[in-house]
Structure formats: structure tokens, C-alpha cells
C-alpha atoms as a PDB file:
ATOM      1  CA  UNK A   1       0.220   0.042  -0.060  1.00  0.00           C
ATOM      2  CA  UNK A   2       1.233   3.139  -0.736  1.00  0.00           C
ATOM      3  CA  UNK A   3       0.985   6.965   1.022  1.00  0.00           C
ATOM      4  CA  UNK A   4      -1.399   7.460  -1.876  1.00  0.00           C
ATOM      5  CA  UNK A   5      -3.637   4.671  -1.090  1.00  0.00           C
ATOM      6  CA  UNK A   6      -3.834   4.904   2.488  1.00  0.00           C
ATOM      7  CA  UNK A   7      -5.113   8.413   2.219  1.00  0.00           C
ATOM      8  CA  UNK A   8      -7.809   7.119  -0.092  1.00  0.00           C
ATOM      9  CA  UNK A   9      -8.694   4.510   3.115  1.00  0.00           C
ATOM     10  CA  UNK A  10      -8.832   7.117   5.529  1.00  0.00           C
ATOM     11  CA  UNK A  11     -10.871   9.545   2.983  1.00  0.00           C
ATOM     12  CA  UNK A  12     -13.287   6.960   2.447  1.00  0.00           C
ATOM     13  CA  UNK A  13     -13.448   5.331   5.699  1.00  0.00           C
ATOM     14  CA  UNK A  14     -13.570   8.551   7.843  1.00  0.00           C
ATOM     15  CA  UNK A  15     -15.822  10.452   5.312  1.00  0.00           C
ATOM     16  CA  UNK A  16     -13.544  13.261   4.623  1.00  0.00           C
ATOM     17  CA  UNK A  17     -12.178  15.205   1.284  1.00  0.00           C
ATOM     18  CA  UNK A  18      -8.551  13.483   0.486  1.00  0.00           C
ATOM     19  CA  UNK A  19      -7.024  16.816   1.091  1.00  0.00           C
ATOM     20  CA  UNK A  20      -8.474  16.673   4.569  1.00  0.00           C
ATOM     21  CA  UNK A  21      -7.786  12.529   4.859  1.00  0.00           C
ATOM     22  CA  UNK A  22      -4.070  13.658   3.531  1.00  0.00           C
ATOM     23  CA  UNK A  23      -3.453  16.271   6.131  1.00  0.00           C
ATOM     24  CA  UNK A  24      -4.805  13.625   8.766  1.00  0.00           C
ATOM     25  CA  UNK A  25      -1.937  11.018   7.783  1.00  0.00           C
ATOM     26  CA  UNK A  26       0.708  13.848   7.685  1.00  0.00           C
ATOM     27  CA  UNK A  27       0.006  15.207  11.148  1.00  0.00           C
ATOM     28  CA  UNK A  28       0.095  11.378  12.083  1.00  0.00           C
ATOM     29  CA  UNK A  29       3.283  10.406  10.137  1.00  0.00           C
ATOM     30  CA  UNK A  30       4.723  14.012  11.892  1.00  0.00           C
ATOM     31  CA  UNK A  31       3.833  13.198  15.486  1.00  0.00           C
ATOM     32  CA  UNK A  32       5.644   9.604  14.980  1.00  0.00           C
ATOM     33  CA  UNK A  33       8.643  10.990  13.815  1.00  0.00           C
ATOM     34  CA  UNK A  34       8.507  14.300  15.887  1.00  0.00           C
ATOM     35  CA  UNK A  35       8.034  11.593  18.947  1.00  0.00           C
ATOM     36  CA  UNK A  36      10.862   9.119  18.161  1.00  0.00           C
ATOM     37  CA  UNK A  37      13.502  12.362  17.648  1.00  0.00           C
ATOM     38  CA  UNK A  38      12.948  13.845  21.159  1.00  0.00           C
ATOM     39  CA  UNK A  39      13.708  10.300  22.198  1.00  0.00           C
ATOM     40  CA  UNK A  40      10.380   8.977  22.880  1.00  0.00           C
ATOM     41  CA  UNK A  41       8.539   5.435  22.352  1.00  0.00           C
ATOM     42  CA  UNK A  42       5.663   5.015  20.749  1.00  0.00           C
ATOM     43  CA  UNK A  43       3.175   2.307  22.006  1.00  0.00           C
ATOM     44  CA  UNK A  44       0.030   1.866  20.291  1.00  0.00           C
ATOM     45  CA  UNK A  45      -1.908  -1.435  22.127  1.00  0.00           C
ATOM     46  CA  UNK A  46      -2.915  -3.683  19.960  1.00  0.00           C
ATOM     47  CA  UNK A  47      -0.710  -2.594  17.052  1.00  0.00           C
ATOM     48  CA  UNK A  48       2.572  -2.455  17.905  1.00  0.00           C
ATOM     49  CA  UNK A  49       5.297   0.126  19.017  1.00  0.00           C
ATOM     50  CA  UNK A  50       8.157   2.148  17.501  1.00  0.00           C
ATOM     51  CA  UNK A  51      11.140   3.020  18.828  1.00  0.00           C
ATOM     52  CA  UNK A  52      14.925   4.184  17.735  1.00  0.00           C
ATOM     53  CA  UNK A  53      17.862   1.882  18.439  1.00  0.00           C
ATOM     54  CA  UNK A  54      21.398   3.258  18.500  1.00  0.00           C
ATOM     55  CA  UNK A  55      23.836   1.543  15.982  1.00  0.00           C
ATOM     56  CA  UNK A  56      27.341   2.191  16.941  1.00  0.00           C
ATOM     57  CA  UNK A  57      29.803   2.971  15.080  1.00  0.00           C
ATOM     58  CA  UNK A  58      32.009   0.065  13.115  1.00  0.00           C
ATOM     59  CA  UNK A  59      34.130  -0.777  11.013  1.00  0.00           C
ATOM     60  CA  UNK A  60      33.175  -2.185   7.344  1.00  0.00           C
ATOM     61  CA  UNK A  61      34.539  -3.176   3.936  1.00  0.00           C
ATOM     62  CA  UNK A  62      33.922  -1.965   0.830  1.00  0.00           C
ATOM     63  CA  UNK A  63      32.145  -4.952  -0.986  1.00  0.00           C
ATOM     64  CA  UNK A  64      33.540  -4.185  -3.916  1.00  0.00           C
ATOM     65  CA  UNK A  65      37.613  -2.768  -3.376  1.00  0.00           C
ATOM     66  CA  UNK A  66      37.729  -4.774   0.276  1.00  0.00           C
ATOM     67  CA  UNK A  67      39.138  -1.903   1.502  1.00  0.00           C
ATOM     68  CA  UNK A  68      38.146  -1.142   5.336  1.00  0.00           C
ATOM     69  CA  UNK A  69      35.534   1.686   5.880  1.00  0.00           C
ATOM     70  CA  UNK A  70      34.680   2.984   8.584  1.00  0.00           C
ATOM     71  CA  UNK A  71      30.712   3.162   9.589  1.00  0.00           C
ATOM     72  CA  UNK A  72      29.444   5.977  11.911  1.00  0.00           C
ATOM     73  CA  UNK A  73      26.908   5.506  15.108  1.00  0.00           C
ATOM     74  CA  UNK A  74      23.903   6.162  13.916  1.00  0.00           C
ATOM     75  CA  UNK A  75      20.024   5.974  15.133  1.00  0.00           C
ATOM     76  CA  UNK A  76      17.624   3.519  13.492  1.00  0.00           C
ATOM     77  CA  UNK A  77      13.657   3.181  13.463  1.00  0.00           C
ATOM     78  CA  UNK A  78      12.405   0.333  14.716  1.00  0.00           C
ATOM     79  CA  UNK A  79       8.706  -1.404  14.805  1.00  0.00           C
ATOM     80  CA  UNK A  80       8.057  -4.253  16.954  1.00  0.00           C
ATOM     81  CA  UNK A  81       4.628  -5.566  15.772  1.00  0.00           C
ATOM     82  CA  UNK A  82       2.365  -6.521  18.778  1.00  0.00           C
ATOM     83  CA  UNK A  83       0.552  -9.593  19.945  1.00  0.00           C
ATOM     84  CA  UNK A  84      -3.232  -8.786  18.213  1.00  0.00           C
ATOM     85  CA  UNK A  85      -1.749  -7.645  14.937  1.00  0.00           C
ATOM     86  CA  UNK A  86       0.487 -10.652  15.040  1.00  0.00           C
ATOM     87  CA  UNK A  87      -2.643 -12.672  15.561  1.00  0.00           C
ATOM     88  CA  UNK A  88      -4.400 -10.848  12.858  1.00  0.00           C
ATOM     89  CA  UNK A  89      -1.992 -10.694  10.055  1.00  0.00           C
ATOM     90  CA  UNK A  90      -1.265 -14.794  10.877  1.00  0.00           C
ATOM     91  CA  UNK A  91      -4.929 -15.871  10.832  1.00  0.00           C
ATOM     92  CA  UNK A  92      -5.641 -15.161   6.889  1.00  0.00           C
ATOM     93  CA  UNK A  93      -2.557 -17.672   6.919  1.00  0.00           C
ATOM     94  CA  UNK A  94      -4.348 -20.263   9.028  1.00  0.00           C
ATOM     95  CA  UNK A  95      -7.499 -20.247   8.023  1.00  0.00           C
ATOM     96  CA  UNK A  96      -6.405 -20.662   4.162  1.00  0.00           C
ATOM     97  CA  UNK A  97      -6.795 -23.745   2.503  1.00  0.00           C
ATOM     98  CA  UNK A  98      -4.721 -24.484  -0.061  1.00  0.00           C
ATOM     99  CA  UNK A  99      -5.857 -24.263  -3.500  1.00  0.00           C
ATOM    100  CA  UNK A 100      -5.819 -26.801  -6.164  1.00  0.00           C
ATOM    101  CA  UNK A 101      -4.692 -24.409  -9.332  1.00  0.00           C
ATOM    102  CA  UNK A 102      -1.456 -23.492  -7.325  1.00  0.00           C
ATOM    103  CA  UNK A 103      -2.918 -19.676  -7.509  1.00  0.00           C
ATOM    104  CA  UNK A 104      -2.526 -17.721  -4.640  1.00  0.00           C
ATOM    105  CA  UNK A 105      -0.093 -14.948  -3.244  1.00  0.00           C
ATOM    106  CA  UNK A 106       3.374 -15.475  -1.513  1.00  0.00           C
ATOM    107  CA  UNK A 107       2.011 -13.757   1.715  1.00  0.00           C
ATOM    108  CA  UNK A 108       0.042 -17.271   2.494  1.00  0.00           C
ATOM    109  CA  UNK A 109       3.012 -19.475   1.628  1.00  0.00           C
ATOM    110  CA  UNK A 110       5.220 -20.726   4.735  1.00  0.00           C
ATOM    111  CA  UNK A 111       8.119 -19.508   2.745  1.00  0.00           C
ATOM    112  CA  UNK A 112       6.734 -16.437   3.362  1.00  0.00           C
ATOM    113  CA  UNK A 113       7.579 -15.720   6.825  1.00  0.00           C
ATOM    114  CA  UNK A 114      10.688 -15.875   7.179  1.00  0.00           C
ATOM    115  CA  UNK A 115      11.522 -12.697   8.769  1.00  0.00           C
ATOM    116  CA  UNK A 116      11.702 -10.666   5.087  1.00  0.00           C
ATOM    117  CA  UNK A 117      14.867 -12.361   4.363  1.00  0.00           C
ATOM    118  CA  UNK A 118      15.282 -13.577   0.514  1.00  0.00           C
ATOM    119  CA  UNK A 119      16.232 -16.466  -0.475  1.00  0.00           C
ATOM    120  CA  UNK A 120      13.270 -18.678   0.379  1.00  0.00           C
ATOM    121  CA  UNK A 121      11.401 -21.375  -2.096  1.00  0.00           C
ATOM    122  CA  UNK A 122       8.040 -20.064  -3.089  1.00  0.00           C
ATOM    123  CA  UNK A 123       6.213 -23.677  -2.565  1.00  0.00           C
ATOM    124  CA  UNK A 124       5.333 -25.422   1.394  1.00  0.00           C
ATOM    125  CA  UNK A 125       7.386 -27.816   2.376  1.00  0.00           C
ATOM    126  CA  UNK A 126       6.131 -31.335   1.691  1.00  0.00           C
ATOM    127  CA  UNK A 127       4.533 -33.497   4.575  1.00  0.00           C
END
């Protein structure tokens, strides 16, 4: 889903104009960013929490040349999904039955639950 699609959904659900819905979405995003920049965490019960993690300076390597590179310390945003969100995401996969046509999206296959890492097979394992 893109930001524009989110704005359309909010406008439709709240019966607002697209302009008002866009401003509402912007206010929410700005609020999240400002709160994280001030060092606070955001907890949305049933959805998840946003936090900032500190990554220390480290020494890396340029993959092309192999030369050592100094990587500076930085702060990175982190989202941890809540229990209810995890259950809601996994609910359709548990309720879905395998279709005989082999169709379906990768979000319902067991390979899609590898924490976003690539390289997994798109077919479910044989049992």
C-alpha cells in the first residue's frame, strides 16, 4: 500500500475529502517522527511499538574493493508488532486452505514467514 492509497482509504472510511485525509495522515506521521526524534517510544496497544535503536560506530568493508571503511554511529527507527497484530496477520494464513490451482500470493505461503529475508522457496514444504 502506498501513502496515496492510505489517504484514499482514510478518506473513504472517515467520509473526509482527500485533502483532509491527506493532512490527517501527515499529522500522524509527523507526530510519530517528532516523538521518535525526542527519544521517546510510541506504543499503540494491539498494533505495536515504534522505538529508536542506537547503532554504534563500526568498521566495515567496501564490497567492491575490500578496503576497510569506517561506518559512523547512527540512530535507526524500529517497529515491533504487537501480539494482536501478529495474530491478525497470521489468522488468514491459518484459515486459508490450499487451492488446487496453485495460485495465491506469497503472503500466505510458509516461505513468506522468513522474517523478510530473501532466498526462500515459494512452495510449501511437503509433509
